[in-house]
Amino acid sequence: MVHGDQVIGLLDRSSLIRAMMSEGPDAYVSSDMNREFQRVPPDMDLSEVMPKLAAPGAVALVMDDQDRLLGLLTAENLSEFILLRQGTLAHEQVQAPRTQL
């Protein structure tokens, strides 16, 4: 959730469903959103970000030095990135000998 340019909270799917089940469709987002979240700069090494995402459902907001939201990282999309990067590197290694012939 944002107010102007400022991030004020996050509402994940499980929190939304829990609120709908307990409070019904008239529940206020502000009562169930998470106001405590990790902030990371865009130049932080992924090895430093990974421990911040160790808890189930953890997210990290990528924010610049003026607290503008640049993106959102989860353990799932970070793992996907690592797998894709490993696949790309492996493909490049297989292709390299062919191009040298």
PDB file of N, CA and C in Angstrom:
ATOM      1  N   MET A   1       0.836  -1.156   0.000  1.00  0.00           N
ATOM      2  CA  MET A   1       0.000   0.000   0.000  1.00  0.00           C
ATOM      3  C   MET A   1       0.893   1.236   0.000  1.00  0.00           C
ATOM      4  N   VAL A   2       0.526   2.188  -0.814  1.00  0.00           N
ATOM      5  CA  VAL A   2       1.287   3.432  -0.864  1.00  0.00           C
ATOM      6  C   VAL A   2       0.361   4.610  -0.580  1.00  0.00           C
ATOM      7  N   HIS A   3       0.957   5.632  -0.019  1.00  0.00           N
ATOM      8  CA  HIS A   3       0.267   6.895   0.197  1.00  0.00           C
ATOM      9  C   HIS A   3       1.142   7.938  -0.460  1.00  0.00           C
ATOM     10  N   GLY A   4       0.701   8.433  -1.604  1.00  0.00           N
ATOM     11  CA  GLY A   4       1.563   9.307  -2.399  1.00  0.00           C
ATOM     12  C   GLY A   4       2.719   8.487  -2.930  1.00  0.00           C
ATOM     13  N   ASP A   5       3.939   8.894  -2.616  1.00  0.00           N
ATOM     14  CA  ASP A   5       5.127   8.144  -3.021  1.00  0.00           C
ATOM     15  C   ASP A   5       5.665   7.256  -1.901  1.00  0.00           C
ATOM     16  N   GLN A   6       5.030   7.246  -0.749  1.00  0.00           N
ATOM     17  CA  GLN A   6       5.537   6.530   0.423  1.00  0.00           C
ATOM     18  C   GLN A   6       4.831   5.189   0.603  1.00  0.00           C
ATOM     19  N   VAL A   7       5.642   4.130   0.774  1.00  0.00           N
ATOM     20  CA  VAL A   7       5.094   2.808   1.073  1.00  0.00           C
ATOM     21  C   VAL A   7       4.720   2.795   2.548  1.00  0.00           C
ATOM     22  N   ILE A   8       3.462   2.451   2.831  1.00  0.00           N
ATOM     23  CA  ILE A   8       3.011   2.448   4.218  1.00  0.00           C
ATOM     24  C   ILE A   8       2.704   1.041   4.732  1.00  0.00           C
ATOM     25  N   GLY A   9       2.630   0.063   3.833  1.00  0.00           N
ATOM     26  CA  GLY A   9       2.362  -1.293   4.289  1.00  0.00           C
ATOM     27  C   GLY A   9       2.228  -2.274   3.148  1.00  0.00           C
ATOM     28  N   LEU A  10       2.232  -3.546   3.520  1.00  0.00           N
ATOM     29  CA  LEU A  10       2.082  -4.639   2.565  1.00  0.00           C
ATOM     30  C   LEU A  10       0.918  -5.516   3.001  1.00  0.00           C
ATOM     31  N   LEU A  11       0.185  -6.036   2.045  1.00  0.00           N
ATOM     32  CA  LEU A  11      -0.910  -6.955   2.330  1.00  0.00           C
ATOM     33  C   LEU A  11      -0.734  -8.162   1.428  1.00  0.00           C
ATOM     34  N   ASP A  12      -0.322  -9.280   2.015  1.00  0.00           N
ATOM     35  CA  ASP A  12      -0.136 -10.477   1.203  1.00  0.00           C
ATOM     36  C   ASP A  12      -1.449 -11.260   1.123  1.00  0.00           C
ATOM     37  N   ARG A  13      -1.429 -12.265   0.283  1.00  0.00           N
ATOM     38  CA  ARG A  13      -2.643 -13.038   0.016  1.00  0.00           C
ATOM     39  C   ARG A  13      -3.186 -13.692   1.284  1.00  0.00           C
ATOM     40  N   SER A  14      -2.321 -14.296   2.093  1.00  0.00           N
ATOM     41  CA  SER A  14      -2.820 -14.983   3.294  1.00  0.00           C
ATOM     42  C   SER A  14      -3.435 -13.996   4.286  1.00  0.00           C
ATOM     43  N   SER A  15      -2.857 -12.817   4.423  1.00  0.00           N
ATOM     44  CA  SER A  15      -3.447 -11.807   5.315  1.00  0.00           C
ATOM     45  C   SER A  15      -4.784 -11.322   4.791  1.00  0.00           C
ATOM     46  N   LEU A  16      -4.885 -11.175   3.494  1.00  0.00           N
ATOM     47  CA  LEU A  16      -6.142 -10.745   2.886  1.00  0.00           C
ATOM     48  C   LEU A  16      -7.229 -11.786   3.123  1.00  0.00           C
ATOM     49  N   ILE A  17      -6.907 -13.048   2.891  1.00  0.00           N
ATOM     50  CA  ILE A  17      -7.892 -14.120   3.088  1.00  0.00           C
ATOM     51  C   ILE A  17      -8.287 -14.221   4.560  1.00  0.00           C
ATOM     52  N   ARG A  18      -7.305 -14.141   5.457  1.00  0.00           N
ATOM     53  CA  ARG A  18      -7.590 -14.206   6.889  1.00  0.00           C
ATOM     54  C   ARG A  18      -8.529 -13.062   7.296  1.00  0.00           C
ATOM     55  N   ALA A  19      -8.287 -11.870   6.794  1.00  0.00           N
ATOM     56  CA  ALA A  19      -9.144 -10.719   7.120  1.00  0.00           C
ATOM     57  C   ALA A  19     -10.552 -10.908   6.567  1.00  0.00           C
ATOM     58  N   MET A  20     -10.639 -11.423   5.357  1.00  0.00           N
ATOM     59  CA  MET A  20     -11.958 -11.650   4.754  1.00  0.00           C
ATOM     60  C   MET A  20     -12.743 -12.699   5.550  1.00  0.00           C
ATOM     61  N   MET A  21     -12.038 -13.735   6.033  1.00  0.00           N
ATOM     62  CA  MET A  21     -12.700 -14.796   6.797  1.00  0.00           C
ATOM     63  C   MET A  21     -13.155 -14.294   8.176  1.00  0.00           C
ATOM     64  N   SER A  22     -12.327 -13.482   8.816  1.00  0.00           N
ATOM     65  CA  SER A  22     -12.658 -13.057  10.178  1.00  0.00           C
ATOM     66  C   SER A  22     -13.508 -11.790  10.230  1.00  0.00           C
ATOM     67  N   GLU A  23     -13.291 -10.881   9.293  1.00  0.00           N
ATOM     68  CA  GLU A  23     -13.974  -9.589   9.364  1.00  0.00           C
ATOM     69  C   GLU A  23     -14.970  -9.350   8.240  1.00  0.00           C
ATOM     70  N   GLY A  24     -14.916 -10.195   7.219  1.00  0.00           N
ATOM     71  CA  GLY A  24     -15.846 -10.045   6.110  1.00  0.00           C
ATOM     72  C   GLY A  24     -15.357  -9.057   5.066  1.00  0.00           C
ATOM     73  N   PRO A  25     -16.173  -8.851   4.046  1.00  0.00           N
ATOM     74  CA  PRO A  25     -15.754  -8.006   2.911  1.00  0.00           C
ATOM     75  C   PRO A  25     -15.616  -6.519   3.241  1.00  0.00           C
ATOM     76  N   ASP A  26     -16.090  -6.113   4.406  1.00  0.00           N
ATOM     77  CA  ASP A  26     -15.991  -4.697   4.785  1.00  0.00           C
ATOM     78  C   ASP A  26     -14.759  -4.400   5.630  1.00  0.00           C
ATOM     79  N   ALA A  27     -13.846  -5.362   5.729  1.00  0.00           N
ATOM     80  CA  ALA A  27     -12.623  -5.174   6.521  1.00  0.00           C
ATOM     81  C   ALA A  27     -11.780  -4.063   5.911  1.00  0.00           C
ATOM     82  N   TYR A  28     -11.089  -3.346   6.771  1.00  0.00           N
ATOM     83  CA  TYR A  28     -10.200  -2.292   6.316  1.00  0.00           C
ATOM     84  C   TYR A  28      -8.812  -2.864   6.024  1.00  0.00           C
ATOM     85  N   VAL A  29      -8.239  -2.483   4.909  1.00  0.00           N
ATOM     86  CA  VAL A  29      -6.898  -2.927   4.544  1.00  0.00           C
ATOM     87  C   VAL A  29      -5.897  -2.522   5.617  1.00  0.00           C
ATOM     88  N   SER A  30      -6.028  -1.321   6.123  1.00  0.00           N
ATOM     89  CA  SER A  30      -5.058  -0.795   7.094  1.00  0.00           C
ATOM     90  C   SER A  30      -4.979  -1.630   8.368  1.00  0.00           C
ATOM     91  N   SER A  31      -6.052  -2.321   8.721  1.00  0.00           N
ATOM     92  CA  SER A  31      -6.025  -3.109   9.952  1.00  0.00           C
ATOM     93  C   SER A  31      -5.272  -4.420   9.788  1.00  0.00           C
ATOM     94  N   ASP A  32      -5.073  -4.882   8.560  1.00  0.00           N
ATOM     95  CA  ASP A  32      -4.433  -6.175   8.335  1.00  0.00           C
ATOM     96  C   ASP A  32      -3.128  -6.102   7.549  1.00  0.00           C
ATOM     97  N   MET A  33      -2.744  -4.924   7.126  1.00  0.00           N
ATOM     98  CA  MET A  33      -1.492  -4.838   6.362  1.00  0.00           C
ATOM     99  C   MET A  33      -0.286  -4.859   7.294  1.00  0.00           C
ATOM    100  N   ASN A  34       0.809  -5.351   6.758  1.00  0.00           N
ATOM    101  CA  ASN A  34       2.066  -5.427   7.498  1.00  0.00           C
ATOM    102  C   ASN A  34       2.805  -4.098   7.339  1.00  0.00           C
ATOM    103  N   ARG A  35       3.073  -3.457   8.448  1.00  0.00           N
ATOM    104  CA  ARG A  35       3.773  -2.168   8.401  1.00  0.00           C
ATOM    105  C   ARG A  35       5.271  -2.310   8.652  1.00  0.00           C
ATOM    106  N   GLU A  36       5.692  -3.522   9.001  1.00  0.00           N
ATOM    107  CA  GLU A  36       7.109  -3.802   9.238  1.00  0.00           C
ATOM    108  C   GLU A  36       7.638  -4.623   8.069  1.00  0.00           C
ATOM    109  N   PHE A  37       8.529  -4.055   7.299  1.00  0.00           N
ATOM    110  CA  PHE A  37       9.080  -4.778   6.156  1.00  0.00           C
ATOM    111  C   PHE A  37      10.528  -4.366   5.941  1.00  0.00           C
ATOM    112  N   GLN A  38      11.262  -5.263   5.312  1.00  0.00           N
ATOM    113  CA  GLN A  38      12.673  -5.022   5.019  1.00  0.00           C
ATOM    114  C   GLN A  38      12.799  -4.026   3.866  1.00  0.00           C
ATOM    115  N   ARG A  39      13.741  -3.133   4.000  1.00  0.00           N
ATOM    116  CA  ARG A  39      14.078  -2.205   2.918  1.00  0.00           C
ATOM    117  C   ARG A  39      15.516  -2.486   2.519  1.00  0.00           C
ATOM    118  N   VAL A  40      15.759  -2.593   1.229  1.00  0.00           N
ATOM    119  CA  VAL A  40      17.119  -2.820   0.754  1.00  0.00           C
ATOM    120  C   VAL A  40      17.414  -1.838  -0.375  1.00  0.00           C
ATOM    121  N   PRO A  41      18.662  -1.369  -0.450  1.00  0.00           N
ATOM    122  CA  PRO A  41      19.043  -0.485  -1.551  1.00  0.00           C
ATOM    123  C   PRO A  41      19.247  -1.303  -2.831  1.00  0.00           C
ATOM    124  N   PRO A  42      19.102  -0.692  -3.985  1.00  0.00           N
ATOM    125  CA  PRO A  42      19.232  -1.433  -5.246  1.00  0.00           C
ATOM    126  C   PRO A  42      20.628  -1.972  -5.506  1.00  0.00           C
ATOM    127  N   ASP A  43      21.638  -1.443  -4.841  1.00  0.00           N
ATOM    128  CA  ASP A  43      23.005  -1.908  -5.070  1.00  0.00           C
ATOM    129  C   ASP A  43      23.468  -2.934  -4.035  1.00  0.00           C
ATOM    130  N   MET A  44      22.564  -3.429  -3.192  1.00  0.00           N
ATOM    131  CA  MET A  44      22.939  -4.435  -2.187  1.00  0.00           C
ATOM    132  C   MET A  44      23.195  -5.771  -2.889  1.00  0.00           C
ATOM    133  N   ASP A  45      24.256  -6.466  -2.475  1.00  0.00           N
ATOM    134  CA  ASP A  45      24.567  -7.788  -3.018  1.00  0.00           C
ATOM    135  C   ASP A  45      23.455  -8.766  -2.688  1.00  0.00           C
ATOM    136  N   LEU A  46      23.148  -9.649  -3.637  1.00  0.00           N
ATOM    137  CA  LEU A  46      22.111 -10.648  -3.396  1.00  0.00           C
ATOM    138  C   LEU A  46      22.462 -11.546  -2.216  1.00  0.00           C
ATOM    139  N   SER A  47      23.748 -11.787  -1.994  1.00  0.00           N
ATOM    140  CA  SER A  47      24.156 -12.615  -0.858  1.00  0.00           C
ATOM    141  C   SER A  47      23.790 -11.967   0.473  1.00  0.00           C
ATOM    142  N   GLU A  48      23.676 -10.652   0.501  1.00  0.00           N
ATOM    143  CA  GLU A  48      23.255  -9.947   1.709  1.00  0.00           C
ATOM    144  C   GLU A  48      21.736  -9.916   1.845  1.00  0.00           C
ATOM    145  N   VAL A  49      21.034  -9.950   0.721  1.00  0.00           N
ATOM    146  CA  VAL A  49      19.571  -9.900   0.733  1.00  0.00           C
ATOM    147  C   VAL A  49      18.980 -11.254   1.128  1.00  0.00           C
ATOM    148  N   MET A  50      19.616 -12.339   0.695  1.00  0.00           N
ATOM    149  CA  MET A  50      19.059 -13.676   0.920  1.00  0.00           C
ATOM    150  C   MET A  50      18.699 -13.958   2.381  1.00  0.00           C
ATOM    151  N   PRO A  51      19.560 -13.651   3.366  1.00  0.00           N
ATOM    152  CA  PRO A  51      19.168 -13.916   4.761  1.00  0.00           C
ATOM    153  C   PRO A  51      17.935 -13.123   5.205  1.00  0.00           C
ATOM    154  N   LYS A  52      17.717 -11.974   4.617  1.00  0.00           N
ATOM    155  CA  LYS A  52      16.554 -11.162   4.970  1.00  0.00           C
ATOM    156  C   LYS A  52      15.252 -11.810   4.512  1.00  0.00           C
ATOM    157  N   LEU A  53      15.368 -12.737   3.565  1.00  0.00           N
ATOM    158  CA  LEU A  53      14.189 -13.396   3.008  1.00  0.00           C
ATOM    159  C   LEU A  53      14.020 -14.817   3.539  1.00  0.00           C
ATOM    160  N   ALA A  54      14.721 -15.159   4.610  1.00  0.00           N
ATOM    161  CA  ALA A  54      14.714 -16.532   5.123  1.00  0.00           C
ATOM    162  C   ALA A  54      13.388 -16.922   5.779  1.00  0.00           C
ATOM    163  N   ALA A  55      12.709 -15.995   6.393  1.00  0.00           N
ATOM    164  CA  ALA A  55      11.448 -16.303   7.065  1.00  0.00           C
ATOM    165  C   ALA A  55      10.349 -16.557   6.036  1.00  0.00           C
ATOM    166  N   PRO A  56       9.442 -17.486   6.328  1.00  0.00           N
ATOM    167  CA  PRO A  56       8.337 -17.745   5.393  1.00  0.00           C
ATOM    168  C   PRO A  56       7.533 -16.476   5.126  1.00  0.00           C
ATOM    169  N   GLY A  57       7.291 -16.209   3.862  1.00  0.00           N
ATOM    170  CA  GLY A  57       6.504 -15.045   3.469  1.00  0.00           C
ATOM    171  C   GLY A  57       7.236 -13.721   3.527  1.00  0.00           C
ATOM    172  N   ALA A  58       8.533 -13.750   3.823  1.00  0.00           N
ATOM    173  CA  ALA A  58       9.299 -12.502   3.942  1.00  0.00           C
ATOM    174  C   ALA A  58       9.449 -11.839   2.577  1.00  0.00           C
ATOM    175  N   VAL A  59       9.438 -10.533   2.592  1.00  0.00           N
ATOM    176  CA  VAL A  59       9.674  -9.745   1.387  1.00  0.00           C
ATOM    177  C   VAL A  59      10.649  -8.631   1.722  1.00  0.00           C
ATOM    178  N   ALA A  60      11.315  -8.149   0.702  1.00  0.00           N
ATOM    179  CA  ALA A  60      12.186  -6.985   0.861  1.00  0.00           C
ATOM    180  C   ALA A  60      11.813  -5.979  -0.217  1.00  0.00           C
ATOM    181  N   LEU A  61      11.608  -4.755   0.183  1.00  0.00           N
ATOM    182  CA  LEU A  61      11.315  -3.689  -0.769  1.00  0.00           C
ATOM    183  C   LEU A  61      12.623  -3.061  -1.208  1.00  0.00           C
ATOM    184  N   VAL A  62      12.812  -2.979  -2.497  1.00  0.00           N
ATOM    185  CA  VAL A  62      13.993  -2.318  -3.043  1.00  0.00           C
ATOM    186  C   VAL A  62      13.633  -0.841  -3.172  1.00  0.00           C
ATOM    187  N   MET A  63      14.375  -0.013  -2.406  1.00  0.00           N
ATOM    188  CA  MET A  63      14.058   1.408  -2.358  1.00  0.00           C
ATOM    189  C   MET A  63      15.329   2.225  -2.546  1.00  0.00           C
ATOM    190  N   ASP A  64      15.193   3.343  -3.224  1.00  0.00           N
ATOM    191  CA  ASP A  64      16.356   4.202  -3.423  1.00  0.00           C
ATOM    192  C   ASP A  64      16.597   5.058  -2.184  1.00  0.00           C
ATOM    193  N   ASP A  65      17.599   5.919  -2.261  1.00  0.00           N
ATOM    194  CA  ASP A  65      17.967   6.720  -1.083  1.00  0.00           C
ATOM    195  C   ASP A  65      16.948   7.803  -0.747  1.00  0.00           C
ATOM    196  N   GLN A  66      15.936   7.970  -1.602  1.00  0.00           N
ATOM    197  CA  GLN A  66      14.857   8.927  -1.313  1.00  0.00           C
ATOM    198  C   GLN A  66      13.572   8.192  -0.936  1.00  0.00           C
ATOM    199  N   ASP A  67      13.711   6.907  -0.555  1.00  0.00           N
ATOM    200  CA  ASP A  67      12.589   6.048  -0.153  1.00  0.00           C
ATOM    201  C   ASP A  67      11.532   5.867  -1.238  1.00  0.00           C
ATOM    202  N   ARG A  68      11.957   5.889  -2.495  1.00  0.00           N
ATOM    203  CA  ARG A  68      11.047   5.584  -3.594  1.00  0.00           C
ATOM    204  C   ARG A  68      11.111   4.091  -3.867  1.00  0.00           C
ATOM    205  N   LEU A  69       9.951   3.483  -4.031  1.00  0.00           N
ATOM    206  CA  LEU A  69       9.861   2.053  -4.296  1.00  0.00           C
ATOM    207  C   LEU A  69      10.347   1.747  -5.707  1.00  0.00           C
ATOM    208  N   LEU A  70      11.323   0.841  -5.804  1.00  0.00           N
ATOM    209  CA  LEU A  70      11.853   0.427  -7.100  1.00  0.00           C
ATOM    210  C   LEU A  70      11.445  -1.001  -7.446  1.00  0.00           C
ATOM    211  N   GLY A  71      11.138  -1.806  -6.429  1.00  0.00           N
ATOM    212  CA  GLY A  71      10.760  -3.186  -6.681  1.00  0.00           C
ATOM    213  C   GLY A  71      10.525  -3.946  -5.393  1.00  0.00           C
ATOM    214  N   LEU A  72      10.172  -5.214  -5.547  1.00  0.00           N
ATOM    215  CA  LEU A  72       9.872  -6.079  -4.417  1.00  0.00           C
ATOM    216  C   LEU A  72      10.555  -7.412  -4.651  1.00  0.00           C
ATOM    217  N   LEU A  73      11.255  -7.909  -3.662  1.00  0.00           N
ATOM    218  CA  LEU A  73      11.925  -9.202  -3.743  1.00  0.00           C
ATOM    219  C   LEU A  73      11.286 -10.176  -2.775  1.00  0.00           C
ATOM    220  N   THR A  74      11.094 -11.402  -3.246  1.00  0.00           N
ATOM    221  CA  THR A  74      10.669 -12.495  -2.379  1.00  0.00           C
ATOM    222  C   THR A  74      11.693 -13.609  -2.511  1.00  0.00           C
ATOM    223  N   ALA A  75      11.681 -14.539  -1.580  1.00  0.00           N
ATOM    224  CA  ALA A  75      12.586 -15.687  -1.674  1.00  0.00           C
ATOM    225  C   ALA A  75      12.312 -16.461  -2.956  1.00  0.00           C
ATOM    226  N   GLU A  76      11.048 -16.547  -3.342  1.00  0.00           N
ATOM    227  CA  GLU A  76      10.686 -17.287  -4.554  1.00  0.00           C
ATOM    228  C   GLU A  76      11.266 -16.648  -5.814  1.00  0.00           C
ATOM    229  N   ASN A  77      11.110 -15.322  -5.973  1.00  0.00           N
ATOM    230  CA  ASN A  77      11.626 -14.735  -7.212  1.00  0.00           C
ATOM    231  C   ASN A  77      13.136 -14.607  -7.202  1.00  0.00           C
ATOM    232  N   LEU A  78      13.737 -14.538  -6.030  1.00  0.00           N
ATOM    233  CA  LEU A  78      15.192 -14.542  -5.952  1.00  0.00           C
ATOM    234  C   LEU A  78      15.734 -15.925  -6.347  1.00  0.00           C
ATOM    235  N   SER A  79      15.081 -16.983  -5.875  1.00  0.00           N
ATOM    236  CA  SER A  79      15.481 -18.344  -6.263  1.00  0.00           C
ATOM    237  C   SER A  79      15.305 -18.564  -7.762  1.00  0.00           C
ATOM    238  N   GLU A  80      14.216 -18.055  -8.320  1.00  0.00           N
ATOM    239  CA  GLU A  80      13.994 -18.177  -9.765  1.00  0.00           C
ATOM    240  C   GLU A  80      15.099 -17.467 -10.542  1.00  0.00           C
ATOM    241  N   PHE A  81      15.479 -16.292 -10.082  1.00  0.00           N
ATOM    242  CA  PHE A  81      16.549 -15.552 -10.744  1.00  0.00           C
ATOM    243  C   PHE A  81      17.849 -16.355 -10.730  1.00  0.00           C
ATOM    244  N   ILE A  82      18.183 -16.930  -9.573  1.00  0.00           N
ATOM    245  CA  ILE A  82      19.425 -17.702  -9.448  1.00  0.00           C
ATOM    246  C   ILE A  82      19.393 -18.910 -10.380  1.00  0.00           C
ATOM    247  N   LEU A  83      18.264 -19.620 -10.426  1.00  0.00           N
ATOM    248  CA  LEU A  83      18.145 -20.772 -11.320  1.00  0.00           C
ATOM    249  C   LEU A  83      18.275 -20.369 -12.787  1.00  0.00           C
ATOM    250  N   LEU A  84      17.620 -19.288 -13.161  1.00  0.00           N
ATOM    251  CA  LEU A  84      17.715 -18.817 -14.546  1.00  0.00           C
ATOM    252  C   LEU A  84      19.139 -18.393 -14.895  1.00  0.00           C
ATOM    253  N   ARG A  85      19.783 -17.736 -13.959  1.00  0.00           N
ATOM    254  CA  ARG A  85      21.171 -17.301 -14.191  1.00  0.00           C
ATOM    255  C   ARG A  85      22.097 -18.500 -14.338  1.00  0.00           C
ATOM    256  N   GLN A  86      21.917 -19.522 -13.502  1.00  0.00           N
ATOM    257  CA  GLN A  86      22.736 -20.729 -13.611  1.00  0.00           C
ATOM    258  C   GLN A  86      22.492 -21.419 -14.945  1.00  0.00           C
ATOM    259  N   GLY A  87      21.237 -21.463 -15.377  1.00  0.00           N
ATOM    260  CA  GLY A  87      20.906 -22.057 -16.672  1.00  0.00           C
ATOM    261  C   GLY A  87      21.546 -21.309 -17.822  1.00  0.00           C
ATOM    262  N   THR A  88      21.545 -20.000 -17.742  1.00  0.00           N
ATOM    263  CA  THR A  88      22.159 -19.171 -18.784  1.00  0.00           C
ATOM    264  C   THR A  88      23.666 -19.396 -18.835  1.00  0.00           C
ATOM    265  N   LEU A  89      24.297 -19.428 -17.674  1.00  0.00           N
ATOM    266  CA  LEU A  89      25.744 -19.664 -17.627  1.00  0.00           C
ATOM    267  C   LEU A  89      26.103 -21.043 -18.161  1.00  0.00           C
ATOM    268  N   ALA A  90      25.305 -22.056 -17.801  1.00  0.00           N
ATOM    269  CA  ALA A  90      25.565 -23.407 -18.289  1.00  0.00           C
ATOM    270  C   ALA A  90      25.407 -23.462 -19.803  1.00  0.00           C
ATOM    271  N   HIS A  91      24.399 -22.797 -20.329  1.00  0.00           N
ATOM    272  CA  HIS A  91      24.176 -22.761 -21.780  1.00  0.00           C
ATOM    273  C   HIS A  91      25.333 -22.066 -22.497  1.00  0.00           C
ATOM    274  N   GLU A  92      25.811 -20.984 -21.918  1.00  0.00           N
ATOM    275  CA  GLU A  92      26.940 -20.262 -22.524  1.00  0.00           C
ATOM    276  C   GLU A  92      28.198 -21.126 -22.547  1.00  0.00           C
ATOM    277  N   GLN A  93      28.409 -21.923 -21.500  1.00  0.00           N
ATOM    278  CA  GLN A  93      29.575 -22.794 -21.448  1.00  0.00           C
ATOM    279  C   GLN A  93      29.492 -23.886 -22.498  1.00  0.00           C
ATOM    280  N   VAL A  94      28.303 -24.415 -22.736  1.00  0.00           N
ATOM    281  CA  VAL A  94      28.126 -25.452 -23.748  1.00  0.00           C
ATOM    282  C   VAL A  94      28.321 -24.863 -25.130  1.00  0.00           C
ATOM    283  N   GLN A  95      27.834 -23.651 -25.365  1.00  0.00           N
ATOM    284  CA  GLN A  95      27.915 -23.008 -26.670  1.00  0.00           C
ATOM    285  C   GLN A  95      29.315 -22.500 -26.997  1.00  0.00           C
ATOM    286  N   ALA A  96      30.116 -22.155 -25.992  1.00  0.00           N
ATOM    287  CA  ALA A  96      31.432 -21.562 -26.220  1.00  0.00           C
ATOM    288  C   ALA A  96      32.341 -22.427 -27.075  1.00  0.00           C
ATOM    289  N   PRO A  97      32.489 -23.733 -26.841  1.00  0.00           N
ATOM    290  CA  PRO A  97      33.372 -24.523 -27.678  1.00  0.00           C
ATOM    291  C   PRO A  97      32.908 -24.587 -29.132  1.00  0.00           C
ATOM    292  N   ARG A  98      31.629 -24.553 -29.384  1.00  0.00           N
ATOM    293  CA  ARG A  98      31.099 -24.614 -30.744  1.00  0.00           C
ATOM    294  C   ARG A  98      31.471 -23.378 -31.559  1.00  0.00           C
ATOM    295  N   THR A  99      31.466 -22.216 -30.910  1.00  0.00           N
ATOM    296  CA  THR A  99      31.753 -20.990 -31.631  1.00  0.00           C
ATOM    297  C   THR A  99      33.240 -20.837 -31.934  1.00  0.00           C
ATOM    298  N   GLN A 100      34.086 -21.585 -31.240  1.00  0.00           N
ATOM    299  CA  GLN A 100      35.520 -21.465 -31.459  1.00  0.00           C
ATOM    300  C   GLN A 100      35.992 -22.343 -32.617  1.00  0.00           C
ATOM    301  N   LEU A 101      35.146 -23.234 -33.148  1.00  0.00           N
ATOM    302  CA  LEU A 101      35.538 -24.122 -34.258  1.00  0.00           C
ATOM    303  C   LEU A 101      35.631 -23.424 -35.549  1.00  0.00           C
TER     304      LEU A 101
END
